[in-house]
Every structure is written in structure tokens, then in C-alpha cells.
Amino acid sequence: GRTFSSSGMGWFRQAPGKEREFVAAITWSSGRTDYAYSVK
């Protein structure tokens, strides 16, 4: 789409009947990654 930049991106997931939850994230400037305990 249009010119786009972000400071980071992530992944979330939603199982049937459950709320959407955090899975993993990456921050571009530092390269830092974070994970939910369940997927680490």
C-alpha cells in the first residue's frame, strides 16, 4: 500500500472462544525480540 514504516511488528493469535493474545514481537531499532511464555 502507501509508503509505510513502523517501529516494530508482531504476531498475535486467537483460538476459538478465546481472546486474541500476544505471541511474539520484534523492535526494529534494537533488534529486540519478545515472546509469550507459551511459545518461548
PDB file of all heavy atoms in Angstrom:
ATOM      1  N   GLY A   1       0.822  -1.190   0.000  1.00  0.00           N
ATOM      2  CA  GLY A   1       0.000   0.000   0.000  1.00  0.00           C
ATOM      3  C   GLY A   1       0.862   1.249   0.000  1.00  0.00           C
ATOM      4  O   GLY A   1       1.975   1.262  -0.488  1.00  0.00           O
ATOM      5  N   ARG A   2       0.376   2.283   0.621  1.00  0.00           N
ATOM      6  CA  ARG A   2       1.090   3.552   0.612  1.00  0.00           C
ATOM      7  C   ARG A   2       2.418   3.417   1.357  1.00  0.00           C
ATOM      8  O   ARG A   2       2.650   2.450   2.074  1.00  0.00           O
ATOM      9  CB  ARG A   2       0.247   4.639   1.266  1.00  0.00           C
ATOM     10  CG  ARG A   2      -0.067   4.400   2.736  1.00  0.00           C
ATOM     11  CD  ARG A   2      -0.763   5.602   3.343  1.00  0.00           C
ATOM     12  NE  ARG A   2      -1.221   5.369   4.707  1.00  0.00           N
ATOM     13  CZ  ARG A   2      -0.456   5.488   5.769  1.00  0.00           C
ATOM     14  NH1 ARG A   2       0.809   5.820   5.647  1.00  0.00           N
ATOM     15  NH2 ARG A   2      -0.969   5.288   6.980  1.00  0.00           N
ATOM     16  N   THR A   3       3.287   4.372   1.166  1.00  0.00           N
ATOM     17  CA  THR A   3       4.578   4.382   1.847  1.00  0.00           C
ATOM     18  C   THR A   3       4.356   4.168   3.333  1.00  0.00           C
ATOM     19  O   THR A   3       3.580   4.875   3.973  1.00  0.00           O
ATOM     20  CB  THR A   3       5.297   5.718   1.622  1.00  0.00           C
ATOM     21  OG1 THR A   3       5.485   5.914   0.225  1.00  0.00           O
ATOM     22  CG2 THR A   3       6.650   5.705   2.306  1.00  0.00           C
ATOM     23  N   PHE A   4       5.041   3.209   3.857  1.00  0.00           N
ATOM     24  CA  PHE A   4       4.744   2.750   5.204  1.00  0.00           C
ATOM     25  C   PHE A   4       6.028   2.457   5.943  1.00  0.00           C
ATOM     26  O   PHE A   4       6.955   1.873   5.392  1.00  0.00           O
ATOM     27  CB  PHE A   4       3.883   1.488   5.101  1.00  0.00           C
ATOM     28  CG  PHE A   4       3.729   0.731   6.386  1.00  0.00           C
ATOM     29  CD1 PHE A   4       2.961   1.243   7.414  1.00  0.00           C
ATOM     30  CD2 PHE A   4       4.350  -0.493   6.566  1.00  0.00           C
ATOM     31  CE1 PHE A   4       2.805   0.549   8.591  1.00  0.00           C
ATOM     32  CE2 PHE A   4       4.201  -1.193   7.739  1.00  0.00           C
ATOM     33  CZ  PHE A   4       3.423  -0.682   8.758  1.00  0.00           C
ATOM     34  N   SER A   5       6.096   2.869   7.187  1.00  0.00           N
ATOM     35  CA  SER A   5       7.215   2.488   8.046  1.00  0.00           C
ATOM     36  C   SER A   5       6.664   2.231   9.436  1.00  0.00           C
ATOM     37  O   SER A   5       5.615   2.754   9.809  1.00  0.00           O
ATOM     38  CB  SER A   5       8.278   3.583   8.072  1.00  0.00           C
ATOM     39  OG  SER A   5       7.751   4.772   8.605  1.00  0.00           O
ATOM     40  N   SER A   6       7.372   1.428  10.182  1.00  0.00           N
ATOM     41  CA  SER A   6       6.928   1.081  11.524  1.00  0.00           C
ATOM     42  C   SER A   6       8.128   0.985  12.443  1.00  0.00           C
ATOM     43  O   SER A   6       9.262   0.850  11.992  1.00  0.00           O
ATOM     44  CB  SER A   6       6.170  -0.240  11.501  1.00  0.00           C
ATOM     45  OG  SER A   6       7.055  -1.323  11.232  1.00  0.00           O
ATOM     46  N   SER A   7       7.902   1.026  13.731  1.00  0.00           N
ATOM     47  CA  SER A   7       8.978   0.853  14.700  1.00  0.00           C
ATOM     48  C   SER A   7       9.132  -0.610  15.086  1.00  0.00           C
ATOM     49  O   SER A   7      10.135  -0.981  15.702  1.00  0.00           O
ATOM     50  CB  SER A   7       8.721   1.694  15.949  1.00  0.00           C
ATOM     51  OG  SER A   7       7.524   1.292  16.573  1.00  0.00           O
ATOM     52  N   GLY A   8       8.171  -1.421  14.708  1.00  0.00           N
ATOM     53  CA  GLY A   8       8.265  -2.844  15.017  1.00  0.00           C
ATOM     54  C   GLY A   8       7.025  -3.577  14.558  1.00  0.00           C
ATOM     55  O   GLY A   8       6.015  -2.959  14.217  1.00  0.00           O
ATOM     56  N   MET A   9       7.110  -4.871  14.547  1.00  0.00           N
ATOM     57  CA  MET A   9       5.979  -5.698  14.139  1.00  0.00           C
ATOM     58  C   MET A   9       5.830  -6.861  15.101  1.00  0.00           C
ATOM     59  O   MET A   9       6.747  -7.175  15.879  1.00  0.00           O
ATOM     60  CB  MET A   9       6.177  -6.199  12.702  1.00  0.00           C
ATOM     61  CG  MET A   9       6.231  -5.057  11.687  1.00  0.00           C
ATOM     62  SD  MET A   9       6.412  -5.598   9.974  1.00  0.00           S
ATOM     63  CE  MET A   9       4.762  -6.201   9.631  1.00  0.00           C
ATOM     64  N   GLY A  10       4.677  -7.489  15.044  1.00  0.00           N
ATOM     65  CA  GLY A  10       4.430  -8.585  15.968  1.00  0.00           C
ATOM     66  C   GLY A  10       3.445  -9.590  15.419  1.00  0.00           C
ATOM     67  O   GLY A  10       2.846  -9.388  14.359  1.00  0.00           O
ATOM     68  N   TRP A  11       3.313 -10.659  16.163  1.00  0.00           N
ATOM     69  CA  TRP A  11       2.351 -11.709  15.853  1.00  0.00           C
ATOM     70  C   TRP A  11       1.440 -11.932  17.059  1.00  0.00           C
ATOM     71  O   TRP A  11       1.914 -11.964  18.205  1.00  0.00           O
ATOM     72  CB  TRP A  11       3.060 -13.022  15.525  1.00  0.00           C
ATOM     73  CG  TRP A  11       3.756 -13.016  14.211  1.00  0.00           C
ATOM     74  CD1 TRP A  11       5.077 -12.741  13.984  1.00  0.00           C
ATOM     75  CD2 TRP A  11       3.180 -13.306  12.933  1.00  0.00           C
ATOM     76  NE1 TRP A  11       5.358 -12.830  12.646  1.00  0.00           N
ATOM     77  CE2 TRP A  11       4.204 -13.190  11.974  1.00  0.00           C
ATOM     78  CE3 TRP A  11       1.904 -13.661  12.512  1.00  0.00           C
ATOM     79  CZ2 TRP A  11       3.991 -13.397  10.615  1.00  0.00           C
ATOM     80  CZ3 TRP A  11       1.688 -13.879  11.154  1.00  0.00           C
ATOM     81  CH2 TRP A  11       2.718 -13.742  10.233  1.00  0.00           C
ATOM     82  N   PHE A  12       0.167 -12.075  16.780  1.00  0.00           N
ATOM     83  CA  PHE A  12      -0.831 -12.413  17.789  1.00  0.00           C
ATOM     84  C   PHE A  12      -1.617 -13.616  17.276  1.00  0.00           C
ATOM     85  O   PHE A  12      -1.536 -13.953  16.097  1.00  0.00           O
ATOM     86  CB  PHE A  12      -1.780 -11.225  18.013  1.00  0.00           C
ATOM     87  CG  PHE A  12      -1.129 -10.054  18.687  1.00  0.00           C
ATOM     88  CD1 PHE A  12      -0.253  -9.224  17.995  1.00  0.00           C
ATOM     89  CD2 PHE A  12      -1.367  -9.776  20.020  1.00  0.00           C
ATOM     90  CE1 PHE A  12       0.361  -8.138  18.615  1.00  0.00           C
ATOM     91  CE2 PHE A  12      -0.768  -8.698  20.657  1.00  0.00           C
ATOM     92  CZ  PHE A  12       0.093  -7.880  19.947  1.00  0.00           C
ATOM     93  N   ARG A  13      -2.371 -14.241  18.152  1.00  0.00           N
ATOM     94  CA  ARG A  13      -3.212 -15.351  17.724  1.00  0.00           C
ATOM     95  C   ARG A  13      -4.510 -15.365  18.506  1.00  0.00           C
ATOM     96  O   ARG A  13      -4.590 -14.844  19.613  1.00  0.00           O
ATOM     97  CB  ARG A  13      -2.483 -16.686  17.883  1.00  0.00           C
ATOM     98  CG  ARG A  13      -2.219 -17.090  19.330  1.00  0.00           C
ATOM     99  CD  ARG A  13      -1.359 -18.350  19.360  1.00  0.00           C
ATOM    100  NE  ARG A  13      -1.113 -18.799  20.739  1.00  0.00           N
ATOM    101  CZ  ARG A  13      -0.296 -19.805  21.049  1.00  0.00           C
ATOM    102  NH1 ARG A  13       0.352 -20.474  20.083  1.00  0.00           N
ATOM    103  NH2 ARG A  13      -0.133 -20.138  22.310  1.00  0.00           N
ATOM    104  N   GLN A  14      -5.525 -15.967  17.898  1.00  0.00           N
ATOM    105  CA  GLN A  14      -6.827 -16.072  18.541  1.00  0.00           C
ATOM    106  C   GLN A  14      -7.402 -17.448  18.273  1.00  0.00           C
ATOM    107  O   GLN A  14      -7.668 -17.804  17.118  1.00  0.00           O
ATOM    108  CB  GLN A  14      -7.775 -14.986  18.029  1.00  0.00           C
ATOM    109  CG  GLN A  14      -9.081 -14.918  18.768  1.00  0.00           C
ATOM    110  CD  GLN A  14      -9.844 -13.656  18.475  1.00  0.00           C
ATOM    111  OE1 GLN A  14      -9.592 -12.952  17.498  1.00  0.00           O
ATOM    112  NE2 GLN A  14     -10.792 -13.324  19.326  1.00  0.00           N
ATOM    113  N   ALA A  15      -7.582 -18.196  19.343  1.00  0.00           N
ATOM    114  CA  ALA A  15      -8.198 -19.515  19.260  1.00  0.00           C
ATOM    115  C   ALA A  15      -9.707 -19.357  19.402  1.00  0.00           C
ATOM    116  O   ALA A  15     -10.183 -18.375  19.969  1.00  0.00           O
ATOM    117  CB  ALA A  15      -7.632 -20.415  20.352  1.00  0.00           C
ATOM    118  N   PRO A  16     -10.477 -20.338  18.929  1.00  0.00           N
ATOM    119  CA  PRO A  16     -11.938 -20.256  19.023  1.00  0.00           C
ATOM    120  C   PRO A  16     -12.386 -20.059  20.467  1.00  0.00           C
ATOM    121  O   PRO A  16     -11.945 -20.778  21.370  1.00  0.00           O
ATOM    122  CB  PRO A  16     -12.396 -21.604  18.476  1.00  0.00           C
ATOM    123  CG  PRO A  16     -11.307 -22.032  17.559  1.00  0.00           C
ATOM    124  CD  PRO A  16     -10.044 -21.534  18.181  1.00  0.00           C
ATOM    125  N   GLY A  17     -13.243 -19.081  20.679  1.00  0.00           N
ATOM    126  CA  GLY A  17     -13.796 -18.837  22.000  1.00  0.00           C
ATOM    127  C   GLY A  17     -12.855 -18.138  22.964  1.00  0.00           C
ATOM    128  O   GLY A  17     -13.186 -17.954  24.132  1.00  0.00           O
ATOM    129  N   LYS A  18     -11.674 -17.733  22.464  1.00  0.00           N
ATOM    130  CA  LYS A  18     -10.697 -17.078  23.327  1.00  0.00           C
ATOM    131  C   LYS A  18     -10.369 -15.690  22.803  1.00  0.00           C
ATOM    132  O   LYS A  18     -10.626 -15.363  21.647  1.00  0.00           O
ATOM    133  CB  LYS A  18      -9.428 -17.920  23.434  1.00  0.00           C
ATOM    134  CG  LYS A  18      -9.640 -19.258  24.132  1.00  0.00           C
ATOM    135  CD  LYS A  18      -8.312 -19.951  24.375  1.00  0.00           C
ATOM    136  CE  LYS A  18      -8.502 -21.248  25.138  1.00  0.00           C
ATOM    137  NZ  LYS A  18      -7.198 -21.927  25.413  1.00  0.00           N
ATOM    138  N   GLU A  19      -9.773 -14.884  23.669  1.00  0.00           N
ATOM    139  CA  GLU A  19      -9.362 -13.553  23.257  1.00  0.00           C
ATOM    140  C   GLU A  19      -8.060 -13.628  22.456  1.00  0.00           C
ATOM    141  O   GLU A  19      -7.274 -14.564  22.600  1.00  0.00           O
ATOM    142  CB  GLU A  19      -9.171 -12.665  24.483  1.00  0.00           C
ATOM    143  CG  GLU A  19     -10.460 -12.396  25.251  1.00  0.00           C
ATOM    144  CD  GLU A  19     -10.255 -11.409  26.376  1.00  0.00           C
ATOM    145  OE1 GLU A  19      -9.102 -11.079  26.677  1.00  0.00           O
ATOM    146  OE2 GLU A  19     -11.262 -10.962  26.955  1.00  0.00           O
ATOM    147  N   ARG A  20      -7.863 -12.610  21.640  1.00  0.00           N
ATOM    148  CA  ARG A  20      -6.616 -12.531  20.893  1.00  0.00           C
ATOM    149  C   ARG A  20      -5.466 -12.298  21.870  1.00  0.00           C
ATOM    150  O   ARG A  20      -5.568 -11.477  22.781  1.00  0.00           O
ATOM    151  CB  ARG A  20      -6.693 -11.393  19.874  1.00  0.00           C
ATOM    152  CG  ARG A  20      -5.578 -11.408  18.856  1.00  0.00           C
ATOM    153  CD  ARG A  20      -5.808 -10.371  17.760  1.00  0.00           C
ATOM    154  NE  ARG A  20      -7.050 -10.623  17.032  1.00  0.00           N
ATOM    155  CZ  ARG A  20      -7.389  -9.964  15.929  1.00  0.00           C
ATOM    156  NH1 ARG A  20      -6.586  -9.028  15.424  1.00  0.00           N
ATOM    157  NH2 ARG A  20      -8.536 -10.232  15.327  1.00  0.00           N
ATOM    158  N   GLU A  21      -4.361 -13.018  21.659  1.00  0.00           N
ATOM    159  CA  GLU A  21      -3.244 -12.936  22.599  1.00  0.00           C
ATOM    160  C   GLU A  21      -1.921 -12.705  21.885  1.00  0.00           C
ATOM    161  O   GLU A  21      -1.744 -13.086  20.724  1.00  0.00           O
ATOM    162  CB  GLU A  21      -3.148 -14.225  23.430  1.00  0.00           C
ATOM    163  CG  GLU A  21      -2.828 -15.468  22.627  1.00  0.00           C
ATOM    164  CD  GLU A  21      -2.660 -16.703  23.514  1.00  0.00           C
ATOM    165  OE1 GLU A  21      -2.895 -16.627  24.731  1.00  0.00           O
ATOM    166  OE2 GLU A  21      -2.272 -17.764  22.968  1.00  0.00           O
ATOM    167  N   PHE A  22      -1.021 -12.112  22.598  1.00  0.00           N
ATOM    168  CA  PHE A  22       0.326 -11.830  22.098  1.00  0.00           C
ATOM    169  C   PHE A  22       1.113 -13.119  21.904  1.00  0.00           C
ATOM    170  O   PHE A  22       1.046 -14.031  22.738  1.00  0.00           O
ATOM    171  CB  PHE A  22       1.046 -10.917  23.093  1.00  0.00           C
ATOM    172  CG  PHE A  22       2.521 -10.777  22.844  1.00  0.00           C
ATOM    173  CD1 PHE A  22       2.988  -9.995  21.801  1.00  0.00           C
ATOM    174  CD2 PHE A  22       3.432 -11.430  23.654  1.00  0.00           C
ATOM    175  CE1 PHE A  22       4.340  -9.857  21.576  1.00  0.00           C
ATOM    176  CE2 PHE A  22       4.791 -11.300  23.436  1.00  0.00           C
ATOM    177  CZ  PHE A  22       5.249 -10.515  22.398  1.00  0.00           C
ATOM    178  N   VAL A  23       1.880 -13.183  20.826  1.00  0.00           N
ATOM    179  CA  VAL A  23       2.754 -14.321  20.562  1.00  0.00           C
ATOM    180  C   VAL A  23       4.223 -13.892  20.547  1.00  0.00           C
ATOM    181  O   VAL A  23       5.038 -14.444  21.270  1.00  0.00           O
ATOM    182  CB  VAL A  23       2.396 -14.999  19.223  1.00  0.00           C
ATOM    183  CG1 VAL A  23       3.398 -16.112  18.902  1.00  0.00           C
ATOM    184  CG2 VAL A  23       0.972 -15.544  19.257  1.00  0.00           C
ATOM    185  N   ALA A  24       4.553 -12.921  19.702  1.00  0.00           N
ATOM    186  CA  ALA A  24       5.946 -12.500  19.571  1.00  0.00           C
ATOM    187  C   ALA A  24       6.002 -11.107  18.966  1.00  0.00           C
ATOM    188  O   ALA A  24       5.083 -10.690  18.261  1.00  0.00           O
ATOM    189  CB  ALA A  24       6.731 -13.486  18.695  1.00  0.00           C
ATOM    190  N   ALA A  25       7.104 -10.409  19.244  1.00  0.00           N
ATOM    191  CA  ALA A  25       7.281  -9.065  18.718  1.00  0.00           C
ATOM    192  C   ALA A  25       8.743  -8.805  18.426  1.00  0.00           C
ATOM    193  O   ALA A  25       9.631  -9.381  19.057  1.00  0.00           O
ATOM    194  CB  ALA A  25       6.759  -8.023  19.709  1.00  0.00           C
ATOM    195  N   ILE A  26       8.981  -7.934  17.467  1.00  0.00           N
ATOM    196  CA  ILE A  26      10.338  -7.501  17.149  1.00  0.00           C
ATOM    197  C   ILE A  26      10.344  -5.990  17.015  1.00  0.00           C
ATOM    198  O   ILE A  26       9.419  -5.405  16.438  1.00  0.00           O
ATOM    199  CB  ILE A  26      10.856  -8.178  15.854  1.00  0.00           C
ATOM    200  CG1 ILE A  26      12.309  -7.803  15.604  1.00  0.00           C
ATOM    201  CG2 ILE A  26       9.984  -7.836  14.648  1.00  0.00           C
ATOM    202  CD1 ILE A  26      12.979  -8.683  14.547  1.00  0.00           C
ATOM    203  N   THR A  27      11.359  -5.349  17.598  1.00  0.00           N
ATOM    204  CA  THR A  27      11.534  -3.904  17.510  1.00  0.00           C
ATOM    205  C   THR A  27      12.701  -3.627  16.587  1.00  0.00           C
ATOM    206  O   THR A  27      13.804  -4.128  16.817  1.00  0.00           O
ATOM    207  CB  THR A  27      11.790  -3.305  18.902  1.00  0.00           C
ATOM    208  OG1 THR A  27      10.663  -3.597  19.735  1.00  0.00           O
ATOM    209  CG2 THR A  27      11.978  -1.793  18.834  1.00  0.00           C
ATOM    210  N   TRP A  28      12.475  -2.848  15.542  1.00  0.00           N
ATOM    211  CA  TRP A  28      13.484  -2.701  14.501  1.00  0.00           C
ATOM    212  C   TRP A  28      14.757  -2.006  14.986  1.00  0.00           C
ATOM    213  O   TRP A  28      15.865  -2.430  14.654  1.00  0.00           O
ATOM    214  CB  TRP A  28      12.916  -1.912  13.321  1.00  0.00           C
ATOM    215  CG  TRP A  28      11.747  -2.540  12.637  1.00  0.00           C
ATOM    216  CD1 TRP A  28      10.566  -1.925  12.322  1.00  0.00           C
ATOM    217  CD2 TRP A  28      11.627  -3.884  12.140  1.00  0.00           C
ATOM    218  NE1 TRP A  28       9.722  -2.808  11.686  1.00  0.00           N
ATOM    219  CE2 TRP A  28      10.362  -4.010  11.556  1.00  0.00           C
ATOM    220  CE3 TRP A  28      12.478  -4.995  12.138  1.00  0.00           C
ATOM    221  CZ2 TRP A  28       9.903  -5.180  10.970  1.00  0.00           C
ATOM    222  CZ3 TRP A  28      12.028  -6.169  11.553  1.00  0.00           C
ATOM    223  CH2 TRP A  28      10.758  -6.258  10.980  1.00  0.00           C
ATOM    224  N   SER A  29      14.639  -0.948  15.761  1.00  0.00           N
ATOM    225  CA  SER A  29      15.817  -0.147  16.109  1.00  0.00           C
ATOM    226  C   SER A  29      16.839  -0.924  16.921  1.00  0.00           C
ATOM    227  O   SER A  29      18.050  -0.731  16.764  1.00  0.00           O
ATOM    228  CB  SER A  29      15.372   1.095  16.890  1.00  0.00           C
ATOM    229  OG  SER A  29      14.717   0.710  18.082  1.00  0.00           O
ATOM    230  N   SER A  30      16.364  -1.804  17.779  1.00  0.00           N
ATOM    231  CA  SER A  30      17.271  -2.537  18.671  1.00  0.00           C
ATOM    232  C   SER A  30      17.456  -3.994  18.263  1.00  0.00           C
ATOM    233  O   SER A  30      18.392  -4.653  18.712  1.00  0.00           O
ATOM    234  CB  SER A  30      16.734  -2.499  20.103  1.00  0.00           C
ATOM    235  OG  SER A  30      15.480  -3.155  20.162  1.00  0.00           O
ATOM    236  N   GLY A  31      16.526  -4.488  17.453  1.00  0.00           N
ATOM    237  CA  GLY A  31      16.538  -5.909  17.136  1.00  0.00           C
ATOM    238  C   GLY A  31      15.964  -6.767  18.250  1.00  0.00           C
ATOM    239  O   GLY A  31      15.973  -7.990  18.183  1.00  0.00           O
ATOM    240  N   ARG A  32      15.429  -6.106  19.256  1.00  0.00           N
ATOM    241  CA  ARG A  32      14.885  -6.832  20.403  1.00  0.00           C
ATOM    242  C   ARG A  32      13.700  -7.688  19.984  1.00  0.00           C
ATOM    243  O   ARG A  32      12.848  -7.250  19.217  1.00  0.00           O
ATOM    244  CB  ARG A  32      14.473  -5.855  21.493  1.00  0.00           C
ATOM    245  CG  ARG A  32      13.708  -6.494  22.641  1.00  0.00           C
ATOM    246  CD  ARG A  32      13.416  -5.517  23.749  1.00  0.00           C
ATOM    247  NE  ARG A  32      12.534  -6.107  24.740  1.00  0.00           N
ATOM    248  CZ  ARG A  32      12.311  -5.583  25.945  1.00  0.00           C
ATOM    249  NH1 ARG A  32      12.917  -4.466  26.289  1.00  0.00           N
ATOM    250  NH2 ARG A  32      11.484  -6.172  26.783  1.00  0.00           N
ATOM    251  N   THR A  33      13.656  -8.906  20.518  1.00  0.00           N
ATOM    252  CA  THR A  33      12.517  -9.793  20.301  1.00  0.00           C
ATOM    253  C   THR A  33      11.921 -10.177  21.647  1.00  0.00           C
ATOM    254  O   THR A  33      12.622 -10.292  22.654  1.00  0.00           O
ATOM    255  CB  THR A  33      12.916 -11.057  19.537  1.00  0.00           C
ATOM    256  OG1 THR A  33      13.955 -11.739  20.257  1.00  0.00           O
ATOM    257  CG2 THR A  33      13.421 -10.722  18.134  1.00  0.00           C
ATOM    258  N   ASP A  34      10.612 -10.356  21.671  1.00  0.00           N
ATOM    259  CA  ASP A  34       9.906 -10.768  22.872  1.00  0.00           C
ATOM    260  C   ASP A  34       8.924 -11.876  22.515  1.00  0.00           C
ATOM    261  O   ASP A  34       8.382 -11.886  21.406  1.00  0.00           O
ATOM    262  CB  ASP A  34       9.151  -9.577  23.478  1.00  0.00           C
ATOM    263  CG  ASP A  34      10.067  -8.504  24.022  1.00  0.00           C
ATOM    264  OD1 ASP A  34      10.495  -8.642  25.185  1.00  0.00           O
ATOM    265  OD2 ASP A  34      10.396  -7.562  23.283  1.00  0.00           O
ATOM    266  N   TYR A  35       8.713 -12.759  23.448  1.00  0.00           N
ATOM    267  CA  TYR A  35       7.854 -13.910  23.205  1.00  0.00           C
ATOM    268  C   TYR A  35       6.904 -14.145  24.373  1.00  0.00           C
ATOM    269  O   TYR A  35       7.256 -13.894  25.529  1.00  0.00           O
ATOM    270  CB  TYR A  35       8.694 -15.175  23.002  1.00  0.00           C
ATOM    271  CG  TYR A  35       9.597 -15.118  21.809  1.00  0.00           C
ATOM    272  CD1 TYR A  35      10.909 -14.665  21.928  1.00  0.00           C
ATOM    273  CD2 TYR A  35       9.144 -15.501  20.554  1.00  0.00           C
ATOM    274  CE1 TYR A  35      11.740 -14.592  20.822  1.00  0.00           C
ATOM    275  CE2 TYR A  35       9.979 -15.442  19.440  1.00  0.00           C
ATOM    276  CZ  TYR A  35      11.262 -14.981  19.584  1.00  0.00           C
ATOM    277  OH  TYR A  35      12.089 -14.919  18.487  1.00  0.00           O
ATOM    278  N   ALA A  36       5.751 -14.663  24.063  1.00  0.00           N
ATOM    279  CA  ALA A  36       4.867 -15.163  25.103  1.00  0.00           C
ATOM    280  C   ALA A  36       5.521 -16.383  25.730  1.00  0.00           C
ATOM    281  O   ALA A  36       6.230 -17.151  25.051  1.00  0.00           O
ATOM    282  CB  ALA A  36       3.501 -15.539  24.515  1.00  0.00           C
ATOM    283  N   TYR A  37       5.255 -16.584  27.003  1.00  0.00           N
ATOM    284  CA  TYR A  37       5.876 -17.711  27.711  1.00  0.00           C
ATOM    285  C   TYR A  37       5.537 -19.048  27.042  1.00  0.00           C
ATOM    286  O   TYR A  37       6.378 -19.942  26.966  1.00  0.00           O
ATOM    287  CB  TYR A  37       5.411 -17.715  29.165  1.00  0.00           C
ATOM    288  CG  TYR A  37       5.978 -18.844  29.969  1.00  0.00           C
ATOM    289  CD1 TYR A  37       7.274 -18.788  30.475  1.00  0.00           C
ATOM    290  CD2 TYR A  37       5.227 -20.000  30.220  1.00  0.00           C
ATOM    291  CE1 TYR A  37       7.805 -19.832  31.213  1.00  0.00           C
ATOM    292  CE2 TYR A  37       5.751 -21.054  30.951  1.00  0.00           C
ATOM    293  CZ  TYR A  37       7.037 -20.960  31.452  1.00  0.00           C
ATOM    294  OH  TYR A  37       7.569 -21.990  32.169  1.00  0.00           O
ATOM    295  N   SER A  38       4.331 -19.143  26.535  1.00  0.00           N
ATOM    296  CA  SER A  38       3.853 -20.413  25.981  1.00  0.00           C
ATOM    297  C   SER A  38       4.579 -20.824  24.699  1.00  0.00           C
ATOM    298  O   SER A  38       4.532 -21.994  24.313  1.00  0.00           O
ATOM    299  CB  SER A  38       2.353 -20.335  25.710  1.00  0.00           C
ATOM    300  OG  SER A  38       2.068 -19.288  24.794  1.00  0.00           O
ATOM    301  N   VAL A  39       5.250 -19.876  24.024  1.00  0.00           N
ATOM    302  CA  VAL A  39       5.914 -20.213  22.765  1.00  0.00           C
ATOM    303  C   VAL A  39       7.428 -20.053  22.836  1.00  0.00           C
ATOM    304  O   VAL A  39       8.138 -20.393  21.886  1.00  0.00           O
ATOM    305  CB  VAL A  39       5.365 -19.355  21.602  1.00  0.00           C
ATOM    306  CG1 VAL A  39       3.849 -19.460  21.531  1.00  0.00           C
ATOM    307  CG2 VAL A  39       5.797 -17.899  21.710  1.00  0.00           C
ATOM    308  N   LYS A  40       7.931 -19.538  23.943  1.00  0.00           N
ATOM    309  CA  LYS A  40       9.361 -19.293  24.066  1.00  0.00           C
ATOM    310  C   LYS A  40      10.148 -20.587  23.907  1.00  0.00           C
ATOM    311  O   LYS A  40       9.804 -21.612  24.494  1.00  0.00           O
ATOM    312  CB  LYS A  40       9.665 -18.647  25.420  1.00  0.00           C
ATOM    313  CG  LYS A  40      10.885 -17.768  25.432  1.00  0.00           C
ATOM    314  CD  LYS A  40      10.901 -16.897  26.671  1.00  0.00           C
ATOM    315  CE  LYS A  40      11.999 -15.862  26.602  1.00  0.00           C
ATOM    316  NZ  LYS A  40      11.992 -14.950  27.757  1.00  0.00           N
TER     317      LYS A  40
END
